[in-house]
Amino acid sequence: MRNNGWAQEQEFAALEGIRWTQVMGWGRMSNASDEKSFEDFPYERNPNYDASWDQAAVSRAVPQLAGFPSGHLAWDQEPWRRFRDASCRRMAREFLEGVKDEVK
């Protein structure tokens, strides 16, 4: 993924929050840690995780929600160029409106 310095972390953005029952677990990390990879961090499972979320899927990439700072080089590249002058808040509302029937 271009313009993403953390692509290896496989993280996702979430609009309108994440339910606690969707969280499988967590690990505490800090910039000062000696650990070299995620496997080195102690992992704590969420006892409230609901496995029915395993059937859920993430949405497609949504470049209009990138939210790069003003003047960022990515705004001159596709696919972000066409959203350079758009309000991220408006784009988020439009995205949520478009997926509301899929997210129940």
N, C-alpha and C. Protein backbone atom coordinates (compact mmCIF):
# COMPACT_ATOMS: atom_id res chain seq x y z
N MET A 1 0.84 -1.18 0.00
CA MET A 1 0.00 0.00 0.00
C MET A 1 0.88 1.23 0.00
N ARG A 2 0.70 2.04 -1.01
CA ARG A 2 1.47 3.28 -1.07
C ARG A 2 1.03 4.23 0.04
N ASN A 3 1.97 5.04 0.51
CA ASN A 3 1.71 6.07 1.51
C ASN A 3 1.23 5.51 2.85
N ASN A 4 1.52 4.26 3.11
CA ASN A 4 1.18 3.66 4.39
C ASN A 4 2.44 3.03 4.97
N GLY A 5 3.02 3.68 5.95
CA GLY A 5 4.24 3.17 6.56
C GLY A 5 4.01 2.00 7.50
N TRP A 6 2.76 1.62 7.70
CA TRP A 6 2.45 0.57 8.67
C TRP A 6 1.62 -0.55 8.05
N ALA A 7 1.75 -0.78 6.76
CA ALA A 7 0.94 -1.78 6.06
C ALA A 7 1.07 -3.17 6.66
N GLN A 8 2.23 -3.50 7.21
CA GLN A 8 2.43 -4.84 7.78
C GLN A 8 1.58 -5.08 9.01
N GLU A 9 1.03 -4.04 9.61
CA GLU A 9 0.24 -4.21 10.82
C GLU A 9 -1.18 -4.69 10.55
N GLN A 10 -1.62 -4.66 9.32
CA GLN A 10 -2.94 -5.14 8.94
C GLN A 10 -4.03 -4.53 9.82
N GLU A 11 -4.00 -3.23 9.97
CA GLU A 11 -4.99 -2.54 10.77
C GLU A 11 -6.09 -2.00 9.86
N PHE A 12 -7.23 -1.72 10.46
CA PHE A 12 -8.36 -1.19 9.73
C PHE A 12 -8.92 0.01 10.47
N ALA A 13 -9.41 0.97 9.72
CA ALA A 13 -10.11 2.09 10.33
C ALA A 13 -11.56 1.67 10.54
N ALA A 14 -12.20 2.21 11.55
CA ALA A 14 -13.59 1.88 11.83
C ALA A 14 -14.38 3.16 12.04
N LEU A 15 -15.42 3.34 11.26
CA LEU A 15 -16.32 4.47 11.45
C LEU A 15 -17.43 4.05 12.41
N GLU A 16 -17.74 4.94 13.33
CA GLU A 16 -18.80 4.72 14.31
C GLU A 16 -18.49 3.61 15.31
N GLY A 17 -17.21 3.31 15.48
CA GLY A 17 -16.80 2.45 16.57
C GLY A 17 -16.69 0.97 16.27
N ILE A 18 -16.15 0.26 17.24
CA ILE A 18 -15.99 -1.19 17.20
C ILE A 18 -16.64 -1.75 18.45
N ARG A 19 -17.48 -2.74 18.29
CA ARG A 19 -18.11 -3.37 19.45
C ARG A 19 -17.05 -4.18 20.21
N TRP A 20 -17.14 -4.14 21.53
CA TRP A 20 -16.18 -4.85 22.36
C TRP A 20 -16.17 -6.34 22.01
N THR A 21 -17.31 -6.89 21.65
CA THR A 21 -17.38 -8.31 21.32
C THR A 21 -16.70 -8.64 19.99
N GLN A 22 -16.28 -7.60 19.24
CA GLN A 22 -15.54 -7.81 17.99
C GLN A 22 -14.03 -7.91 18.24
N VAL A 23 -13.58 -7.49 19.39
CA VAL A 23 -12.15 -7.47 19.71
C VAL A 23 -11.72 -8.86 20.18
N MET A 24 -10.83 -9.49 19.41
CA MET A 24 -10.36 -10.84 19.76
C MET A 24 -9.40 -10.80 20.95
N GLY A 25 -8.59 -9.75 21.02
CA GLY A 25 -7.63 -9.62 22.09
C GLY A 25 -6.72 -8.44 21.84
N TRP A 26 -5.71 -8.29 22.66
CA TRP A 26 -4.83 -7.13 22.54
C TRP A 26 -3.46 -7.44 23.12
N GLY A 27 -2.52 -6.59 22.78
CA GLY A 27 -1.18 -6.65 23.34
C GLY A 27 -0.73 -5.23 23.64
N ARG A 28 -0.04 -5.04 24.73
CA ARG A 28 0.46 -3.70 25.09
C ARG A 28 1.80 -3.48 24.42
N MET A 29 1.94 -2.33 23.77
CA MET A 29 3.17 -2.00 23.06
C MET A 29 3.55 -0.56 23.38
N SER A 30 4.82 -0.27 23.23
CA SER A 30 5.28 1.11 23.35
C SER A 30 6.44 1.30 22.39
N ASN A 31 6.74 2.52 22.08
CA ASN A 31 7.86 2.81 21.18
C ASN A 31 9.19 2.42 21.81
N ALA A 32 9.22 2.33 23.14
CA ALA A 32 10.47 2.01 23.84
C ALA A 32 10.68 0.51 24.00
N SER A 33 9.77 -0.30 23.48
CA SER A 33 9.87 -1.75 23.66
C SER A 33 11.07 -2.33 22.95
N ASP A 34 11.63 -3.39 23.53
CA ASP A 34 12.74 -4.11 22.92
C ASP A 34 12.26 -5.18 21.94
N GLU A 35 10.97 -5.49 21.95
CA GLU A 35 10.45 -6.55 21.10
C GLU A 35 10.63 -6.19 19.63
N LYS A 36 10.91 -7.20 18.83
CA LYS A 36 11.19 -6.98 17.41
C LYS A 36 9.98 -7.20 16.51
N SER A 37 9.00 -7.97 16.96
CA SER A 37 7.84 -8.24 16.13
C SER A 37 6.61 -8.40 17.02
N PHE A 38 5.45 -8.46 16.39
CA PHE A 38 4.22 -8.61 17.15
C PHE A 38 4.20 -9.90 17.95
N GLU A 39 4.85 -10.93 17.44
CA GLU A 39 4.88 -12.21 18.15
C GLU A 39 5.58 -12.10 19.50
N ASP A 40 6.42 -11.08 19.68
CA ASP A 40 7.16 -10.91 20.93
C ASP A 40 6.31 -10.27 22.04
N PHE A 41 5.16 -9.72 21.69
CA PHE A 41 4.33 -9.05 22.68
C PHE A 41 3.36 -10.04 23.32
N PRO A 42 3.19 -9.95 24.63
CA PRO A 42 2.20 -10.82 25.28
C PRO A 42 0.81 -10.49 24.74
N TYR A 43 0.06 -11.50 24.40
CA TYR A 43 -1.27 -11.34 23.83
C TYR A 43 -2.30 -11.75 24.87
N GLU A 44 -3.28 -10.90 25.07
CA GLU A 44 -4.34 -11.19 26.03
C GLU A 44 -5.65 -11.37 25.26
N ARG A 45 -6.26 -12.52 25.39
CA ARG A 45 -7.53 -12.80 24.71
C ARG A 45 -8.68 -12.08 25.41
N ASN A 46 -9.64 -11.63 24.62
CA ASN A 46 -10.84 -11.00 25.16
C ASN A 46 -11.85 -12.11 25.49
N PRO A 47 -12.17 -12.31 26.76
CA PRO A 47 -13.13 -13.36 27.11
C PRO A 47 -14.54 -13.07 26.59
N ASN A 48 -14.79 -11.83 26.18
CA ASN A 48 -16.11 -11.44 25.68
C ASN A 48 -16.21 -11.49 24.16
N TYR A 49 -15.14 -11.96 23.50
CA TYR A 49 -15.17 -12.04 22.03
C TYR A 49 -16.28 -12.97 21.58
N ASP A 50 -17.03 -12.54 20.57
CA ASP A 50 -18.12 -13.33 20.01
C ASP A 50 -17.67 -13.87 18.66
N ALA A 51 -17.47 -15.17 18.57
CA ALA A 51 -16.94 -15.80 17.35
C ALA A 51 -17.87 -15.64 16.15
N SER A 52 -19.10 -15.22 16.36
CA SER A 52 -19.98 -15.00 15.20
C SER A 52 -19.43 -13.88 14.30
N TRP A 53 -18.55 -13.03 14.85
CA TRP A 53 -17.92 -11.99 14.04
C TRP A 53 -16.94 -12.58 13.03
N ASP A 54 -16.53 -13.82 13.21
CA ASP A 54 -15.60 -14.45 12.27
C ASP A 54 -16.17 -14.51 10.86
N GLN A 55 -17.48 -14.47 10.73
CA GLN A 55 -18.13 -14.52 9.42
C GLN A 55 -18.22 -13.15 8.77
N ALA A 56 -17.92 -12.10 9.50
CA ALA A 56 -18.01 -10.74 8.97
C ALA A 56 -16.84 -10.44 8.04
N ALA A 57 -17.04 -9.49 7.17
CA ALA A 57 -15.99 -9.08 6.23
C ALA A 57 -15.77 -7.58 6.35
N VAL A 58 -14.60 -7.14 5.95
CA VAL A 58 -14.31 -5.70 5.93
C VAL A 58 -14.78 -5.13 4.61
N SER A 59 -14.95 -3.82 4.58
CA SER A 59 -15.36 -3.18 3.33
C SER A 59 -14.17 -3.04 2.40
N ARG A 60 -14.45 -2.62 1.22
CA ARG A 60 -13.41 -2.35 0.23
C ARG A 60 -12.55 -1.17 0.70
N ALA A 61 -11.46 -0.94 0.01
CA ALA A 61 -10.64 0.25 0.30
C ALA A 61 -11.47 1.49 0.00
N VAL A 62 -11.32 2.51 0.83
CA VAL A 62 -12.11 3.73 0.67
C VAL A 62 -11.14 4.91 0.62
N PRO A 63 -10.53 5.17 -0.54
CA PRO A 63 -9.50 6.20 -0.64
C PRO A 63 -9.99 7.60 -0.28
N GLN A 64 -11.28 7.87 -0.42
CA GLN A 64 -11.79 9.20 -0.09
C GLN A 64 -11.75 9.49 1.40
N LEU A 65 -11.47 8.48 2.22
CA LEU A 65 -11.38 8.68 3.66
C LEU A 65 -9.94 8.72 4.16
N ALA A 66 -8.99 8.85 3.24
CA ALA A 66 -7.57 8.81 3.62
C ALA A 66 -7.22 9.89 4.63
N GLY A 67 -7.71 11.10 4.47
CA GLY A 67 -7.46 12.15 5.44
C GLY A 67 -6.01 12.58 5.55
N PHE A 68 -5.27 12.54 4.44
CA PHE A 68 -3.89 13.03 4.47
C PHE A 68 -3.90 14.51 4.85
N PRO A 69 -2.85 15.01 5.48
CA PRO A 69 -2.80 16.44 5.80
C PRO A 69 -2.75 17.29 4.53
N SER A 70 -3.16 18.51 4.66
CA SER A 70 -3.10 19.45 3.54
C SER A 70 -1.67 19.54 3.02
N GLY A 71 -1.51 19.50 1.70
CA GLY A 71 -0.20 19.59 1.10
C GLY A 71 0.54 18.27 0.96
N HIS A 72 -0.03 17.18 1.46
CA HIS A 72 0.61 15.86 1.36
C HIS A 72 0.74 15.46 -0.11
N LEU A 73 1.85 14.83 -0.46
CA LEU A 73 2.11 14.43 -1.84
C LEU A 73 1.06 13.47 -2.40
N ALA A 74 0.45 12.68 -1.54
CA ALA A 74 -0.55 11.71 -2.01
C ALA A 74 -1.74 12.38 -2.68
N TRP A 75 -2.04 13.63 -2.30
CA TRP A 75 -3.19 14.32 -2.91
C TRP A 75 -2.97 14.58 -4.40
N ASP A 76 -1.75 14.46 -4.88
CA ASP A 76 -1.47 14.64 -6.30
C ASP A 76 -1.44 13.31 -7.05
N GLN A 77 -1.72 12.21 -6.36
CA GLN A 77 -1.68 10.87 -6.96
C GLN A 77 -3.08 10.27 -7.00
N GLU A 78 -3.28 9.35 -7.94
CA GLU A 78 -4.52 8.58 -7.94
C GLU A 78 -4.38 7.45 -6.92
N PRO A 79 -5.41 7.08 -6.22
CA PRO A 79 -6.81 7.46 -6.40
C PRO A 79 -7.23 8.66 -5.56
N TRP A 80 -6.30 9.27 -4.83
CA TRP A 80 -6.67 10.33 -3.88
C TRP A 80 -6.88 11.69 -4.52
N ARG A 81 -6.30 11.92 -5.69
CA ARG A 81 -6.37 13.24 -6.34
C ARG A 81 -7.81 13.74 -6.45
N ARG A 82 -8.72 12.88 -6.83
CA ARG A 82 -10.10 13.33 -7.05
C ARG A 82 -10.82 13.71 -5.76
N PHE A 83 -10.24 13.40 -4.60
CA PHE A 83 -10.86 13.73 -3.32
C PHE A 83 -10.10 14.83 -2.57
N ARG A 84 -9.11 15.43 -3.22
CA ARG A 84 -8.24 16.41 -2.58
C ARG A 84 -9.03 17.54 -1.91
N ASP A 85 -10.05 18.04 -2.58
CA ASP A 85 -10.79 19.20 -2.05
C ASP A 85 -12.09 18.81 -1.36
N ALA A 86 -12.31 17.53 -1.17
CA ALA A 86 -13.55 17.06 -0.54
C ALA A 86 -13.41 17.07 0.98
N SER A 87 -14.52 17.27 1.64
CA SER A 87 -14.55 17.20 3.10
C SER A 87 -14.53 15.74 3.52
N CYS A 88 -13.57 15.37 4.35
CA CYS A 88 -13.49 13.99 4.83
C CYS A 88 -14.76 13.62 5.60
N ARG A 89 -15.30 14.55 6.33
CA ARG A 89 -16.54 14.31 7.08
C ARG A 89 -17.70 13.99 6.14
N ARG A 90 -17.81 14.77 5.07
CA ARG A 90 -18.87 14.52 4.08
C ARG A 90 -18.65 13.18 3.40
N MET A 91 -17.40 12.86 3.07
CA MET A 91 -17.10 11.59 2.42
C MET A 91 -17.45 10.41 3.35
N ALA A 92 -17.20 10.58 4.64
CA ALA A 92 -17.52 9.53 5.61
C ALA A 92 -19.03 9.33 5.68
N ARG A 93 -19.79 10.43 5.71
CA ARG A 93 -21.25 10.31 5.74
C ARG A 93 -21.77 9.60 4.50
N GLU A 94 -21.23 9.97 3.33
CA GLU A 94 -21.66 9.33 2.09
C GLU A 94 -21.31 7.84 2.08
N PHE A 95 -20.13 7.50 2.58
CA PHE A 95 -19.74 6.09 2.64
C PHE A 95 -20.69 5.31 3.54
N LEU A 96 -20.95 5.84 4.74
CA LEU A 96 -21.83 5.15 5.67
C LEU A 96 -23.24 5.00 5.11
N GLU A 97 -23.71 6.01 4.42
CA GLU A 97 -25.03 5.93 3.79
C GLU A 97 -25.06 4.80 2.76
N GLY A 98 -23.97 4.64 2.03
CA GLY A 98 -23.90 3.62 0.99
C GLY A 98 -23.81 2.19 1.51
N VAL A 99 -23.34 2.01 2.74
CA VAL A 99 -23.19 0.65 3.28
C VAL A 99 -24.17 0.34 4.41
N LYS A 100 -25.07 1.26 4.70
CA LYS A 100 -25.94 1.07 5.87
C LYS A 100 -26.75 -0.22 5.82
N ASP A 101 -27.16 -0.66 4.63
CA ASP A 101 -27.94 -1.89 4.55
C ASP A 101 -27.08 -3.14 4.73
N GLU A 102 -25.78 -3.01 4.48
CA GLU A 102 -24.86 -4.14 4.65
C GLU A 102 -24.45 -4.33 6.10
N VAL A 103 -24.48 -3.24 6.87
CA VAL A 103 -24.00 -3.25 8.25
C VAL A 103 -25.19 -3.22 9.19
N LYS A 104 -25.58 -4.35 9.64
CA LYS A 104 -26.73 -4.44 10.56
C LYS A 104 -26.31 -5.13 11.84
